[in-house]
Amino acid sequence: MEQIELINLKESDLQPAVKVFLKAFQVENEVSIASNIHKLWNDLIRYEIADFIAASVDLRIVGVGALIKFINHGWISFLGVDPDFQKMKIGHNIFQALMERSQQYSYCSLKLNATETGRKLYLKFNFKPEYEVIQYYLKPEYNLEEFKDWDIHIDRKIESWCLNLDQQAFGVDRTLFFKMMIDAGAKIIKCSKQGFGLVSQDKLGPIVAENFKIARKIVKFSTVVGVKKIFVPQHSDLSSKYLPGLIANRKNNLRSCTRMVWGNHLQLNDRYMFGAHSFAFG
């Protein structure tokens, strides 16, 4: 039987690890996606925001996963295994190692996004479903005149009121996360000091706002700057109030994942949460 070794991923290991991760989700030929993920992982390691653990067989990386570190709270993400090695419990071993690593930081809770396949594994580790997240594609907005009377703009600064609102919504200080994303090229849409959204490539999220009218303005404005999709938490009726008329009629809108939590539930403020930053594929 082939010997599986778990290693701490270094910057020099990123290229083969990214290749394996993309192969796991059948997008290994997408050069632009590979470049973006490579840069993101490199920044996560450089800023010491995440610990990556990889599995290797005969010095070949065949699986990877990450623990993203916040204060008193962690995220498990980027878990993927080469399809040729997916029946060797490699994903299970990486996940267990990430759970053990999290104990070093004495986290009171851990979170992750789960596909239907992944849920079975995470339930065994006592993760509990929290809420569903659905991917939506947006209609492009061409009526630029509408925005002239709005107090809305986009720039690359994360202001204190944005951070305060985000912490009220998600229950954790994510200042370093936003700094890293902006350094990597992300921008912030701000509306009337009552809401904001993070624009990263063609994605908008998180979307945090004091009410659904502000959230709707942020989503409409985002399509002008190239946003095509959002990930919406289905924890209340908020999405039904601000999404009608904004989303495209595409089958991919039905794609969903489950937000799961281990340990103590963070004190979330549902009424501020209109869009998530991350999503699970596979």
Protein backbone atom coordinates (compact mmCIF):
# COMPACT_ATOMS: atom_id res chain seq x y z
CA MET A 1 0.00 0.00 0.00
CA GLU A 2 1.30 3.47 -0.88
CA GLN A 3 2.51 5.52 2.08
CA ILE A 4 0.62 8.76 2.67
CA GLU A 5 2.54 11.61 4.30
CA LEU A 6 0.99 14.83 5.61
CA ILE A 7 3.14 17.95 5.28
CA ASN A 8 2.86 21.67 6.01
CA LEU A 9 2.48 23.38 2.66
CA LYS A 10 5.13 26.00 1.86
CA GLU A 11 5.17 28.67 -0.82
CA SER A 12 7.47 26.47 -2.93
CA ASP A 13 4.81 23.71 -2.93
CA LEU A 14 1.96 25.93 -4.09
CA GLN A 15 2.01 25.20 -7.82
CA PRO A 16 1.48 21.40 -7.57
CA ALA A 17 -1.00 21.87 -4.71
CA VAL A 18 -3.12 24.33 -6.72
CA LYS A 19 -3.02 21.94 -9.68
CA VAL A 20 -4.33 19.09 -7.51
CA PHE A 21 -7.04 21.30 -6.00
CA LEU A 22 -8.31 22.36 -9.44
CA LYS A 23 -8.12 18.80 -10.75
CA ALA A 24 -10.32 17.71 -7.84
CA PHE A 25 -13.02 20.09 -9.09
CA GLN A 26 -12.39 19.38 -12.79
CA VAL A 27 -11.15 22.86 -13.73
CA GLU A 28 -7.42 22.14 -13.99
CA ASN A 29 -7.22 23.64 -17.49
CA GLU A 30 -8.47 27.07 -16.38
CA VAL A 31 -5.22 29.07 -16.43
CA SER A 32 -6.73 32.29 -15.04
CA ILE A 33 -8.38 30.45 -12.14
CA ALA A 34 -5.10 28.70 -11.31
CA SER A 35 -3.23 32.01 -11.30
CA ASN A 36 -5.80 33.65 -9.02
CA ILE A 37 -5.85 30.77 -6.54
CA HIS A 38 -2.04 30.60 -6.50
CA LYS A 39 -1.86 34.31 -5.61
CA LEU A 40 -4.59 33.98 -2.97
CA TRP A 41 -2.91 31.02 -1.27
CA ASN A 42 0.46 32.73 -1.40
CA ASP A 43 -1.06 35.80 0.31
CA LEU A 44 -2.79 33.65 2.93
CA ILE A 45 0.55 32.06 3.82
CA ARG A 46 2.50 35.34 3.60
CA TYR A 47 0.07 37.17 5.90
CA GLU A 48 0.00 34.12 8.21
CA ILE A 49 -3.78 34.03 7.87
CA ALA A 50 -3.90 30.33 6.97
CA ASP A 51 -2.13 27.06 7.66
CA PHE A 52 -2.12 24.68 4.67
CA ILE A 53 -1.72 20.92 5.06
CA ALA A 54 -1.01 18.72 2.04
CA ALA A 55 -0.94 14.97 1.54
CA SER A 56 1.83 13.44 -0.55
CA VAL A 57 2.37 9.96 -1.98
CA ASP A 58 5.92 9.17 -3.12
CA LEU A 59 6.78 12.90 -2.85
CA ARG A 60 3.83 13.80 -5.10
CA ILE A 61 1.17 16.12 -3.66
CA VAL A 62 -2.24 14.47 -4.02
CA GLY A 63 -4.44 16.47 -1.62
CA VAL A 64 -4.63 19.79 0.21
CA GLY A 65 -6.68 21.70 2.78
CA ALA A 66 -6.40 24.92 4.80
CA LEU A 67 -7.23 26.32 8.21
CA ILE A 68 -7.97 30.04 7.95
CA LYS A 69 -7.28 31.77 11.26
CA PHE A 70 -9.37 34.46 12.92
CA ILE A 71 -9.47 35.52 16.58
CA ASN A 72 -11.10 32.69 18.60
CA HIS A 73 -12.53 31.29 15.40
CA GLY A 74 -11.30 29.30 12.40
CA TRP A 75 -12.40 28.35 8.89
CA ILE A 76 -11.61 25.05 7.18
CA SER A 77 -11.39 25.58 3.44
CA PHE A 78 -9.79 24.58 0.12
CA LEU A 79 -10.11 20.84 0.79
CA GLY A 80 -9.46 18.86 -2.38
CA VAL A 81 -8.01 15.48 -3.36
CA ASP A 82 -6.70 14.22 -6.70
CA PRO A 83 -9.50 12.05 -8.20
CA ASP A 84 -7.00 9.21 -8.72
CA PHE A 85 -6.47 9.04 -4.95
CA GLN A 86 -9.96 9.73 -3.61
CA LYS A 87 -10.65 6.28 -2.15
CA MET A 88 -7.67 6.24 0.21
CA LYS A 89 -9.21 8.38 3.01
CA ILE A 90 -6.79 11.17 2.12
CA GLY A 91 -9.48 13.84 2.47
CA HIS A 92 -10.44 12.37 5.85
CA ASN A 93 -6.80 12.43 7.00
CA ILE A 94 -6.23 16.02 5.88
CA PHE A 95 -9.44 17.14 7.55
CA GLN A 96 -8.53 15.37 10.78
CA ALA A 97 -5.10 17.03 10.72
CA LEU A 98 -6.73 20.45 10.24
CA MET A 99 -9.03 19.77 13.19
CA GLU A 100 -6.02 18.83 15.33
CA ARG A 101 -4.17 21.94 14.16
CA SER A 102 -7.13 24.09 15.19
CA GLN A 103 -6.78 22.81 18.77
CA GLN A 104 -3.40 24.56 18.98
CA TYR A 105 -5.23 27.88 18.64
CA SER A 106 -7.93 27.03 21.22
CA TYR A 107 -10.73 28.08 18.90
CA CYS A 108 -14.22 28.18 20.38
CA SER A 109 -15.71 27.45 16.96
CA LEU A 110 -14.87 26.30 13.44
CA LYS A 111 -16.84 26.87 10.25
CA LEU A 112 -16.83 25.54 6.71
CA ASN A 113 -18.88 25.37 3.53
CA ALA A 114 -20.00 21.84 2.64
CA THR A 115 -21.20 20.20 -0.54
CA GLU A 116 -23.65 17.33 -0.24
CA THR A 117 -20.73 14.88 -0.52
CA GLY A 118 -18.67 16.62 2.16
CA ARG A 119 -21.52 16.86 4.67
CA LYS A 120 -21.26 13.15 5.50
CA LEU A 121 -17.62 13.54 6.58
CA TYR A 122 -18.16 16.74 8.54
CA LEU A 123 -21.13 15.35 10.46
CA LYS A 124 -18.82 12.60 11.75
CA PHE A 125 -16.64 15.34 13.27
CA ASN A 126 -19.67 16.88 15.02
CA PHE A 127 -20.18 19.79 12.64
CA LYS A 128 -23.79 20.95 12.53
CA PRO A 129 -25.66 22.59 9.61
CA GLU A 130 -26.17 26.33 10.13
CA TYR A 131 -27.80 27.61 6.93
CA GLU A 132 -27.82 27.12 3.17
CA VAL A 133 -25.94 29.36 0.72
CA ILE A 134 -27.14 29.63 -2.89
CA GLN A 135 -25.15 30.90 -5.87
CA TYR A 136 -26.95 33.42 -8.08
CA TYR A 137 -25.91 34.93 -11.41
CA LEU A 138 -26.81 38.59 -11.85
CA LYS A 139 -28.43 40.47 -14.70
CA PRO A 140 -26.16 43.19 -16.14
CA GLU A 141 -27.30 46.74 -15.33
CA TYR A 142 -27.19 49.29 -18.13
CA ASN A 143 -29.16 52.21 -16.63
CA LEU A 144 -26.25 54.33 -15.36
CA GLU A 145 -28.51 57.38 -14.89
CA GLU A 146 -30.12 55.65 -11.92
CA PHE A 147 -26.88 55.79 -9.92
CA LYS A 148 -26.38 59.56 -10.21
CA ASP A 149 -28.63 60.29 -7.24
CA TRP A 150 -27.20 57.48 -5.10
CA ASP A 151 -24.49 57.99 -2.50
CA ILE A 152 -22.54 55.01 -3.79
CA HIS A 153 -18.98 54.51 -5.03
CA ILE A 154 -16.21 51.94 -5.30
CA ASP A 155 -12.60 52.22 -4.10
CA ARG A 156 -9.85 50.19 -2.43
CA LYS A 157 -10.22 51.40 1.16
CA ILE A 158 -11.86 49.49 4.00
CA GLU A 159 -13.12 52.11 6.43
CA SER A 160 -13.78 51.67 10.15
CA TRP A 161 -17.55 51.82 9.73
CA CYS A 162 -17.34 48.92 7.25
CA LEU A 163 -15.32 46.83 9.70
CA ASN A 164 -17.71 47.64 12.55
CA LEU A 165 -20.73 46.68 10.46
CA ASP A 166 -19.04 43.48 9.31
CA GLN A 167 -18.23 42.48 12.89
CA GLN A 168 -21.83 43.14 13.93
CA ALA A 169 -23.00 40.85 11.13
CA PHE A 170 -20.51 37.99 11.42
CA GLY A 171 -19.40 38.21 15.04
CA VAL A 172 -15.65 38.22 14.34
CA ASP A 173 -12.96 40.80 13.51
CA ARG A 174 -11.95 40.25 9.88
CA THR A 175 -9.72 43.31 9.42
CA LEU A 176 -6.69 41.30 8.26
CA PHE A 177 -8.82 39.36 5.78
CA PHE A 178 -10.05 42.57 4.14
CA LYS A 179 -6.53 44.01 4.05
CA MET A 180 -5.26 40.90 2.30
CA MET A 181 -8.11 40.89 -0.23
CA ILE A 182 -7.57 44.58 -1.08
CA ASP A 183 -3.82 44.03 -1.45
CA ALA A 184 -4.70 41.21 -3.87
CA GLY A 185 -6.77 43.60 -6.00
CA ALA A 186 -10.26 43.51 -4.46
CA LYS A 187 -12.37 46.67 -4.19
CA ILE A 188 -15.12 47.88 -1.85
CA ILE A 189 -18.52 49.21 -2.93
CA LYS A 190 -19.86 51.60 -0.26
CA CYS A 191 -23.37 53.00 -0.02
CA SER A 192 -24.39 55.87 2.29
CA LYS A 193 -22.23 54.52 5.13
CA GLN A 194 -25.01 51.97 5.61
CA GLY A 195 -23.66 49.05 3.65
CA PHE A 196 -20.76 47.69 1.63
CA GLY A 197 -19.77 44.80 -0.62
CA LEU A 198 -16.38 43.31 -1.47
CA VAL A 199 -15.72 42.94 -5.20
CA SER A 200 -13.21 40.23 -6.07
CA GLN A 201 -12.87 39.38 -9.78
CA ASP A 202 -16.45 38.68 -10.95
CA LYS A 203 -17.85 38.00 -7.47
CA LEU A 204 -19.53 40.25 -4.89
CA GLY A 205 -19.31 39.21 -1.26
CA PRO A 206 -19.60 39.62 1.58
CA ILE A 207 -22.55 41.98 1.24
CA VAL A 208 -23.30 43.67 4.56
CA ALA A 209 -26.00 46.32 4.91
CA GLU A 210 -28.37 47.84 7.43
CA ASN A 211 -31.42 47.07 5.28
CA PHE A 212 -32.43 45.33 2.06
CA LYS A 213 -32.80 48.61 0.10
CA ILE A 214 -29.11 49.42 0.63
CA ALA A 215 -28.13 45.83 -0.21
CA ARG A 216 -30.13 45.99 -3.42
CA LYS A 217 -28.37 49.21 -4.48
CA ILE A 218 -24.97 47.61 -3.85
CA VAL A 219 -25.87 44.54 -5.93
CA LYS A 220 -27.24 46.63 -8.84
CA PHE A 221 -24.18 48.90 -8.85
CA SER A 222 -21.83 45.89 -8.75
CA THR A 223 -22.90 44.68 -12.20
CA VAL A 224 -21.58 47.92 -13.72
CA VAL A 225 -18.09 47.10 -12.42
CA GLY A 226 -18.11 43.54 -13.75
CA VAL A 227 -19.71 41.44 -11.00
CA LYS A 228 -21.56 38.38 -12.31
CA LYS A 229 -22.40 36.31 -9.24
CA ILE A 230 -23.22 36.44 -5.54
CA PHE A 231 -23.58 33.81 -2.80
CA VAL A 232 -26.70 34.46 -0.73
CA PRO A 233 -27.35 32.97 2.75
CA GLN A 234 -30.85 31.50 2.93
CA HIS A 235 -31.29 32.15 6.64
CA SER A 236 -34.32 34.43 6.40
CA ASP A 237 -36.71 36.07 3.95
CA LEU A 238 -34.22 38.88 3.19
CA SER A 239 -33.17 37.44 -0.16
CA SER A 240 -36.77 37.35 -1.38
CA LYS A 241 -37.02 41.10 -0.69
CA TYR A 242 -33.94 42.33 -2.53
CA LEU A 243 -33.13 39.71 -5.20
CA PRO A 244 -36.22 39.82 -7.49
CA GLY A 245 -35.32 41.52 -10.76
CA LEU A 246 -31.57 41.26 -10.11
CA ILE A 247 -30.81 37.63 -10.92
CA ALA A 248 -30.42 36.01 -14.32
CA ASN A 249 -32.49 32.98 -15.29
CA ARG A 250 -29.73 30.36 -15.23
CA LYS A 251 -29.76 26.79 -14.00
CA ASN A 252 -26.58 27.46 -12.01
CA ASN A 253 -28.66 29.62 -9.69
CA LEU A 254 -29.85 26.37 -8.14
CA ARG A 255 -26.35 25.40 -6.97
CA SER A 256 -26.12 25.44 -3.19
CA CYS A 257 -23.90 24.47 -0.28
CA THR A 258 -24.34 24.25 3.48
CA ARG A 259 -22.63 26.49 6.02
CA MET A 260 -21.67 24.24 8.97
CA VAL A 261 -20.29 24.99 12.44
CA TRP A 262 -18.40 23.09 15.12
CA GLY A 263 -18.35 24.30 18.72
CA ASN A 264 -20.00 27.51 19.84
CA HIS A 265 -22.19 29.39 17.39
CA LEU A 266 -20.92 32.91 16.75
CA GLN A 267 -23.35 35.70 17.53
CA LEU A 268 -24.54 36.45 13.99
CA ASN A 269 -26.85 39.30 13.08
CA ASP A 270 -28.94 37.81 10.28
CA ARG A 271 -30.55 41.07 9.25
CA TYR A 272 -27.19 42.52 8.12
CA MET A 273 -26.07 39.49 6.06
CA PHE A 274 -27.05 39.73 2.40
CA GLY A 275 -24.16 37.90 0.77
CA ALA A 276 -21.35 35.52 1.71
CA HIS A 277 -17.75 35.65 0.52
CA SER A 278 -17.12 31.94 0.04
CA PHE A 279 -18.84 28.92 -1.45
CA ALA A 280 -18.20 25.17 -1.72
CA PHE A 281 -18.03 23.51 -5.13
CA GLY A 282 -17.72 19.88 -6.08
